[in-house]
Protein backbone atom coordinates (compact mmCIF):
# COMPACT_ATOMS: atom_id res chain seq x y z
CA ALA A 1 15.45 4.83 8.24
CA ALA A 2 17.72 2.83 5.93
CA LEU A 3 17.57 -0.13 8.30
CA ALA A 4 13.80 0.01 8.39
CA THR A 5 13.48 -0.03 4.63
CA SER A 6 16.12 -2.69 4.10
CA PHE A 7 14.26 -5.09 6.39
CA ALA A 8 10.73 -4.17 5.27
CA PHE A 9 10.52 -7.25 3.07
CA SER A 10 10.61 -9.52 6.11
CA ALA A 11 8.57 -7.35 8.46
CA SER A 12 5.99 -10.12 8.80
CA ALA A 13 8.44 -12.18 10.85
CA MET A 14 6.09 -12.14 13.84
CA THR A 15 3.84 -15.18 13.74
CA THR A 16 0.74 -16.05 15.72
CA ASP A 17 2.78 -18.87 17.29
CA ILE A 18 4.94 -16.19 18.90
CA ASP A 19 2.39 -13.38 19.36
CA THR A 20 -0.11 -15.35 21.41
CA ASP A 21 -2.09 -12.36 22.68
CA GLY A 22 -2.54 -10.90 19.18
CA ASP A 23 -1.19 -7.43 19.92
CA GLY A 24 1.31 -7.58 17.06
CA MET A 25 4.29 -7.65 19.40
CA ALA A 26 6.14 -10.22 21.48
CA SER A 27 6.86 -9.89 25.15
CA PHE A 28 9.89 -11.60 26.66
CA ALA A 29 7.62 -14.41 27.93
CA GLU A 30 6.00 -14.90 24.49
CA LEU A 31 9.35 -14.93 22.72
CA GLN A 32 10.83 -17.35 25.22
CA VAL A 33 8.06 -19.90 24.60
CA PHE A 34 8.98 -20.04 20.91
CA TYR A 35 12.72 -19.48 21.48
CA PRO A 36 13.56 -21.08 24.87
CA ASP A 37 17.23 -20.05 24.63
CA VAL A 38 16.45 -16.32 24.51
CA THR A 39 17.95 -14.61 27.53
CA GLU A 40 16.86 -11.29 28.99
CA MET A 41 20.09 -9.80 27.66
CA LEU A 42 19.39 -10.99 24.10
CA PHE A 43 15.79 -9.78 24.38
CA GLN A 44 17.05 -6.33 25.35
CA GLU A 45 19.37 -6.32 22.32
CA ILE A 46 16.50 -7.28 20.02
CA ASP A 47 14.15 -4.71 21.62
CA THR A 48 15.96 -1.76 20.07
CA ASP A 49 13.39 0.84 21.15
CA SER A 50 13.46 -0.48 24.75
CA ASP A 51 9.68 -0.58 25.10
CA GLY A 52 9.69 -4.08 26.56
CA LEU A 53 8.17 -5.60 23.45
CA VAL A 54 9.56 -6.86 20.16
CA ASN A 55 7.68 -5.55 17.14
CA ASP A 56 7.69 -6.91 13.55
CA GLU A 57 10.61 -4.73 12.49
CA GLU A 58 12.75 -5.67 15.49
CA MET A 59 11.87 -9.34 14.96
CA ALA A 60 12.79 -9.17 11.26
CA ILE A 61 16.12 -7.51 12.08
CA ALA A 62 16.90 -10.15 14.73
CA VAL A 63 16.18 -12.91 12.21
CA GLU A 64 18.23 -11.17 9.53
CA LEU A 65 21.18 -10.72 11.91
CA GLY A 66 20.98 -14.36 12.98
CA ASN A 67 19.99 -13.57 16.57
CA LEU A 68 16.80 -15.59 16.09
CA ALA A 69 15.93 -18.39 13.69
CA ASP A 70 13.34 -17.56 11.05
CA PRO A 71 9.99 -18.59 12.59
CA GLU A 72 8.59 -19.35 9.14
CA SER A 73 11.31 -21.89 8.35
CA ASP A 74 11.25 -23.45 11.82
CA ALA A 75 7.48 -23.73 12.09
């Protein structure tokens, strides 16, 4: 819970450039279009709940940890 609250400020890390189907989450394919260097292994690390999708919270944590560049600053 502490992690969730500490990253709440950047929970809007998911952009429409990444989330092309508008479901509020990014699949591996969607994430790879925006971040071509993302491997399946890195995707699995980012997808902390292992549901096969990266949600806003997971995306914000990945950006905060430096696993992904901030989509807002790279857009």
